[in-house]
């Protein structure tokens, strides 16, 4: 049941997600998924549905948060559009097909995969590990393959796009702040394709849940986007004023907290 309490919680969640999306160049899905799963459970939705609903709703919200984040980073010249264009085809294909197939995957496995993936992100940030810089420039086939991989993982983790694209762009010698802005732009096609895939895959599974469109819970989507749009520019402004090492520590701490939160749902 949607009460004023949940409306306020979704508004607060949207503000936090929008700020982090602008700060870290991610679409916010990694933050949304465990917290939405918790809120959906509190609202009384079926335990077997909350993970898929959280993923589908998070990816749909990412369409808006990514767009707001892109606008803020593009205004600062921090998006390398040629890279985004070459990766978009693979991203759209991978994200849609994985999201479409996700309804056949056990929710506990998805939650475990998400948790482990977020833990890897946190470890990478704390250890300051980065892939060895490539001696060769990014090629169109390589960008397409990278997009296919990033899109596929993102549909299952809702955060892989930001993390994997940051690693890949770092490997291709893109400076961190440019990589953050470009990663924000890469998150947009991921969100569109993933959201459509979850809408299609959940169409016959959520007919008993009011206000759903497949695996997308529309009230949460609408409320979260209102506050996330307002908060994303503030996060982007902070990203360009903070040292790189502080951005990495923030990313690592947030990732570790979300990993633990999602792991608690399957233990």
Protein backbone atom coordinates (compact mmCIF):
# COMPACT_ATOMS: atom_id res chain seq x y z
CA UNK A 1 0.00 0.00 0.00
CA UNK A 2 1.35 3.43 -0.98
CA UNK A 3 1.10 5.74 2.05
CA UNK A 4 2.50 9.22 2.68
CA UNK A 5 5.35 7.56 4.59
CA UNK A 6 6.49 5.73 1.45
CA UNK A 7 6.05 8.84 -0.69
CA UNK A 8 8.46 10.71 1.60
CA UNK A 9 10.90 7.80 1.63
CA UNK A 10 10.89 7.64 -2.18
CA UNK A 11 11.47 11.41 -2.36
CA UNK A 12 14.45 11.17 -0.01
CA UNK A 13 15.81 8.18 -1.90
CA UNK A 14 15.54 10.05 -5.19
CA UNK A 15 17.46 13.02 -3.83
CA UNK A 16 20.25 10.79 -2.57
CA UNK A 17 20.42 8.81 -5.81
CA UNK A 18 20.45 11.93 -7.98
CA UNK A 19 23.29 13.43 -5.95
CA UNK A 20 25.37 10.22 -6.14
CA UNK A 21 24.65 9.87 -9.86
CA UNK A 22 26.07 13.31 -10.50
CA UNK A 23 28.98 12.79 -8.11
CA UNK A 24 30.16 9.40 -9.38
CA UNK A 25 28.92 9.28 -12.97
CA UNK A 26 26.66 6.29 -12.34
CA UNK A 27 22.96 5.99 -13.03
CA UNK A 28 22.16 5.30 -9.39
CA UNK A 29 20.89 1.75 -9.90
CA UNK A 30 23.37 0.25 -7.47
CA UNK A 31 21.99 2.50 -4.74
CA UNK A 32 18.37 2.00 -5.71
CA UNK A 33 18.21 -1.80 -6.02
CA UNK A 34 18.83 -2.87 -2.39
CA UNK A 35 16.87 0.06 -0.95
CA UNK A 36 13.92 -0.42 -3.29
CA UNK A 37 13.89 -4.16 -2.52
CA UNK A 38 13.68 -3.28 1.18
CA UNK A 39 10.89 -0.72 0.67
CA UNK A 40 8.91 -3.04 -1.62
CA UNK A 41 9.13 -5.74 1.04
CA UNK A 42 7.84 -3.30 3.66
CA UNK A 43 4.95 -2.44 1.35
CA UNK A 44 3.91 -6.09 1.39
CA UNK A 45 4.91 -7.13 -2.11
CA UNK A 46 5.68 -10.81 -2.69
CA UNK A 47 9.21 -11.80 -1.72
CA UNK A 48 9.63 -13.61 -5.04
CA UNK A 49 8.94 -10.36 -6.92
CA UNK A 50 10.81 -7.66 -4.99
CA UNK A 51 14.28 -8.21 -6.54
CA UNK A 52 12.99 -8.16 -10.12
CA UNK A 53 10.77 -5.17 -9.35
CA UNK A 54 13.70 -3.36 -7.74
CA UNK A 55 15.91 -3.99 -10.79
CA UNK A 56 13.24 -2.97 -13.30
CA UNK A 57 12.24 0.14 -11.37
CA UNK A 58 15.86 1.12 -10.75
CA UNK A 59 16.75 0.86 -14.43
CA UNK A 60 13.69 2.93 -15.35
CA UNK A 61 14.68 5.60 -12.82
CA UNK A 62 18.19 5.53 -14.29
CA UNK A 63 16.79 6.87 -17.58
CA UNK A 64 16.02 10.13 -15.81
CA UNK A 65 18.98 10.26 -13.40
CA UNK A 66 21.40 9.48 -16.24
CA UNK A 67 19.88 12.21 -18.41
CA UNK A 68 20.20 14.75 -15.59
CA UNK A 69 23.76 13.64 -14.86
CA UNK A 70 24.70 13.78 -18.57
CA UNK A 71 23.43 17.34 -18.85
CA UNK A 72 25.49 18.44 -15.86
CA UNK A 73 28.70 16.74 -17.04
CA UNK A 74 28.26 17.75 -20.68
CA UNK A 75 27.98 21.39 -19.61
CA UNK A 76 31.51 21.01 -18.25
CA UNK A 77 32.79 19.33 -21.43
CA UNK A 78 33.37 16.03 -19.61
CA UNK A 79 31.61 13.64 -22.04
CA UNK A 80 33.52 12.03 -24.93
CA UNK A 81 30.59 11.53 -27.27
CA UNK A 82 32.42 9.52 -29.99
CA UNK A 83 33.14 6.77 -27.43
CA UNK A 84 29.49 6.74 -26.32
CA UNK A 85 28.29 6.47 -29.90
CA UNK A 86 30.48 3.48 -30.77
CA UNK A 87 29.51 1.59 -27.58
CA UNK A 88 25.77 2.29 -27.76
CA UNK A 89 24.85 -0.56 -30.13
CA UNK A 90 26.45 -3.25 -27.96
CA UNK A 91 25.04 -1.71 -24.80
CA UNK A 92 21.47 -1.67 -26.11
CA UNK A 93 21.67 -5.27 -27.31
CA UNK A 94 23.28 -6.71 -24.19
CA UNK A 95 21.08 -4.85 -21.70
CA UNK A 96 17.79 -5.69 -23.42
CA UNK A 97 18.52 -9.40 -23.93
CA UNK A 98 19.77 -9.91 -20.36
CA UNK A 99 16.81 -8.02 -18.87
CA UNK A 100 14.42 -9.99 -21.07
CA UNK A 101 15.94 -13.27 -19.84
CA UNK A 102 16.09 -12.21 -16.18
CA UNK A 103 12.59 -13.42 -15.28
CA UNK A 104 13.90 -16.99 -15.56
CA UNK A 105 16.67 -16.38 -13.01
CA UNK A 106 16.18 -17.13 -9.31
CA UNK A 107 15.90 -13.82 -7.38
CA UNK A 108 18.31 -15.11 -4.72
CA UNK A 109 20.97 -15.65 -7.40
CA UNK A 110 20.46 -12.11 -8.72
CA UNK A 111 20.75 -10.68 -5.20
CA UNK A 112 23.93 -12.67 -4.57
CA UNK A 113 25.44 -11.62 -7.90
CA UNK A 114 24.63 -7.97 -7.15
CA UNK A 115 26.14 -8.21 -3.67
CA UNK A 116 29.37 -9.82 -4.86
CA UNK A 117 29.67 -7.37 -7.73
CA UNK A 118 29.33 -4.39 -5.39
CA UNK A 119 31.93 -5.92 -3.05
CA UNK A 120 34.36 -6.20 -5.97
CA UNK A 121 33.74 -2.54 -6.79
CA UNK A 122 34.49 -1.54 -3.19
CA UNK A 123 37.68 -3.64 -3.12
CA UNK A 124 38.87 -2.14 -6.39
CA UNK A 125 38.34 1.39 -5.12
CA UNK A 126 40.00 0.81 -1.74
CA UNK A 127 43.04 -0.88 -3.32
CA UNK A 128 43.18 1.77 -6.04
CA UNK A 129 43.61 -0.99 -8.60
CA UNK A 130 43.29 0.04 -12.20
CA UNK A 131 43.80 -1.89 -15.42
CA UNK A 132 47.11 -1.42 -17.18
CA UNK A 133 46.81 1.44 -19.67
CA UNK A 134 46.43 0.26 -23.23
CA UNK A 135 49.05 1.17 -25.80
CA UNK A 136 46.47 1.05 -28.60
CA UNK A 137 43.56 3.46 -29.08
CA UNK A 138 39.98 2.27 -28.75
CA UNK A 139 38.72 0.71 -31.98
CA UNK A 140 35.07 0.51 -33.12
CA UNK A 141 34.91 -3.34 -32.79
CA UNK A 142 36.50 -3.15 -29.33
CA UNK A 143 34.08 -0.46 -28.22
CA UNK A 144 31.12 -2.47 -29.52
CA UNK A 145 32.25 -5.60 -27.64
CA UNK A 146 32.88 -3.59 -24.47
CA UNK A 147 29.39 -2.12 -24.79
CA UNK A 148 27.84 -5.59 -25.17
CA UNK A 149 29.59 -6.82 -22.00
CA UNK A 150 28.79 -3.70 -19.99
CA UNK A 151 25.14 -3.72 -21.08
CA UNK A 152 24.67 -7.40 -20.19
CA UNK A 153 26.16 -7.10 -16.71
CA UNK A 154 24.31 -3.85 -16.03
CA UNK A 155 20.91 -5.42 -16.64
CA UNK A 156 21.65 -7.94 -13.89
CA UNK A 157 23.41 -5.63 -11.42
CA UNK A 158 21.97 -2.20 -12.38
CA UNK A 159 25.33 -0.66 -11.52
CA UNK A 160 27.81 -2.53 -13.69
CA UNK A 161 27.61 0.04 -16.44
CA UNK A 162 29.13 2.79 -14.34
CA UNK A 163 31.81 0.60 -12.77
CA UNK A 164 32.82 -1.36 -15.85
CA UNK A 165 32.78 1.65 -18.13
CA UNK A 166 35.02 3.54 -15.67
CA UNK A 167 37.48 0.63 -15.72
CA UNK A 168 37.36 0.32 -19.49
CA UNK A 169 37.76 4.05 -20.09
CA UNK A 170 40.63 4.14 -17.61
CA UNK A 171 42.25 1.29 -19.53
CA UNK A 172 41.93 3.44 -22.66
CA UNK A 173 43.70 6.34 -20.91
CA UNK A 174 40.63 8.55 -20.44
CA UNK A 175 41.19 10.93 -17.45
CA UNK A 176 39.00 10.14 -14.41
CA UNK A 177 36.71 13.17 -14.57
CA UNK A 178 36.25 12.65 -18.34
CA UNK A 179 35.62 8.96 -17.66
CA UNK A 180 32.96 9.84 -15.05
CA UNK A 181 31.13 12.12 -17.47
CA UNK A 182 31.37 9.61 -20.32
CA UNK A 183 30.22 6.82 -17.99
CA UNK A 184 27.14 8.87 -17.13
CA UNK A 185 26.32 9.08 -20.83
CA UNK A 186 26.90 5.35 -21.31
CA UNK A 187 24.37 4.69 -18.54
CA UNK A 188 21.56 6.23 -20.58
CA UNK A 189 21.22 3.52 -23.29
CA UNK A 190 21.78 0.88 -20.61
CA UNK A 191 18.81 2.23 -18.67
CA UNK A 192 16.52 2.42 -21.70
CA UNK A 193 17.24 -1.09 -22.97
CA UNK A 194 17.22 -2.65 -19.49
CA UNK A 195 13.97 -0.97 -18.50
CA UNK A 196 12.23 -2.15 -21.67
CA UNK A 197 13.51 -5.67 -21.10
CA UNK A 198 12.15 -5.78 -17.54
CA UNK A 199 8.83 -4.36 -18.65
CA UNK A 200 8.48 -7.13 -21.23
CA UNK A 201 9.76 -9.97 -19.04
CA UNK A 202 7.52 -9.03 -16.10
CA UNK A 203 4.35 -8.34 -18.05
CA UNK A 204 2.65 -11.61 -17.06
CA UNK A 205 4.16 -11.80 -13.56
CA UNK A 206 2.94 -8.60 -11.89
CA UNK A 207 -0.72 -8.34 -12.93
CA UNK A 208 -1.77 -8.73 -9.28
CA UNK A 209 0.37 -5.77 -8.12
CA UNK A 210 -1.30 -2.35 -8.62
CA UNK A 211 0.49 0.41 -10.55
CA UNK A 212 3.05 -1.83 -12.21
CA UNK A 213 4.24 -1.95 -15.80
CA UNK A 214 5.93 -5.31 -16.03
CA UNK A 215 8.70 -5.25 -13.42
CA UNK A 216 8.44 -1.47 -12.98
CA UNK A 217 6.58 0.00 -9.99
CA UNK A 218 5.32 3.30 -11.41
CA UNK A 219 4.73 5.31 -8.16
CA UNK A 220 8.33 4.74 -7.03
CA UNK A 221 9.64 5.63 -10.49
CA UNK A 222 7.69 8.88 -10.70
CA UNK A 223 8.44 10.08 -7.16
CA UNK A 224 12.14 9.19 -7.24
CA UNK A 225 12.72 10.95 -10.54
CA UNK A 226 11.27 14.23 -9.27
CA UNK A 227 13.88 14.63 -6.53
CA UNK A 228 16.76 12.98 -8.42
CA UNK A 229 16.58 15.54 -11.24
CA UNK A 230 17.04 18.36 -8.74
CA UNK A 231 19.95 16.72 -6.93
CA UNK A 232 22.09 15.45 -9.86
CA UNK A 233 23.61 18.85 -10.81
CA UNK A 234 24.76 19.35 -7.21
CA UNK A 235 26.54 15.99 -7.28
CA UNK A 236 28.22 16.79 -10.60
CA UNK A 237 29.41 20.14 -9.22
CA UNK A 238 30.96 18.37 -6.24
CA UNK A 239 32.61 15.79 -8.53
CA UNK A 240 34.53 18.50 -10.34
CA UNK A 241 35.64 20.11 -7.07
CA UNK A 242 36.81 16.97 -5.22
CA UNK A 243 40.20 15.27 -5.67
CA UNK A 244 40.16 11.94 -7.52
CA UNK A 245 41.23 9.99 -4.42
CA UNK A 246 38.22 11.26 -2.44
CA UNK A 247 35.83 10.33 -5.25
CA UNK A 248 37.22 6.78 -5.21
CA UNK A 249 36.87 6.46 -1.45
CA UNK A 250 33.26 7.66 -1.56
CA UNK A 251 32.50 5.21 -4.37
CA UNK A 252 34.14 2.38 -2.41
CA UNK A 253 32.30 3.07 0.85
CA UNK A 254 28.91 3.34 -0.87
CA UNK A 255 29.56 0.12 -2.80
CA UNK A 256 30.55 -1.80 0.34
CA UNK A 257 27.49 -0.64 2.28
CA UNK A 258 25.15 -1.63 -0.56
CA UNK A 259 26.85 -4.99 -0.96
CA UNK A 260 26.27 -5.79 2.72
CA UNK A 261 22.66 -4.59 2.54
CA UNK A 262 21.81 -6.77 -0.45
CA UNK A 263 23.66 -9.78 0.99
CA UNK A 264 21.46 -9.52 4.07
CA UNK A 265 18.41 -10.21 1.88
CA UNK A 266 19.67 -13.67 0.88
CA UNK A 267 21.19 -14.85 4.18
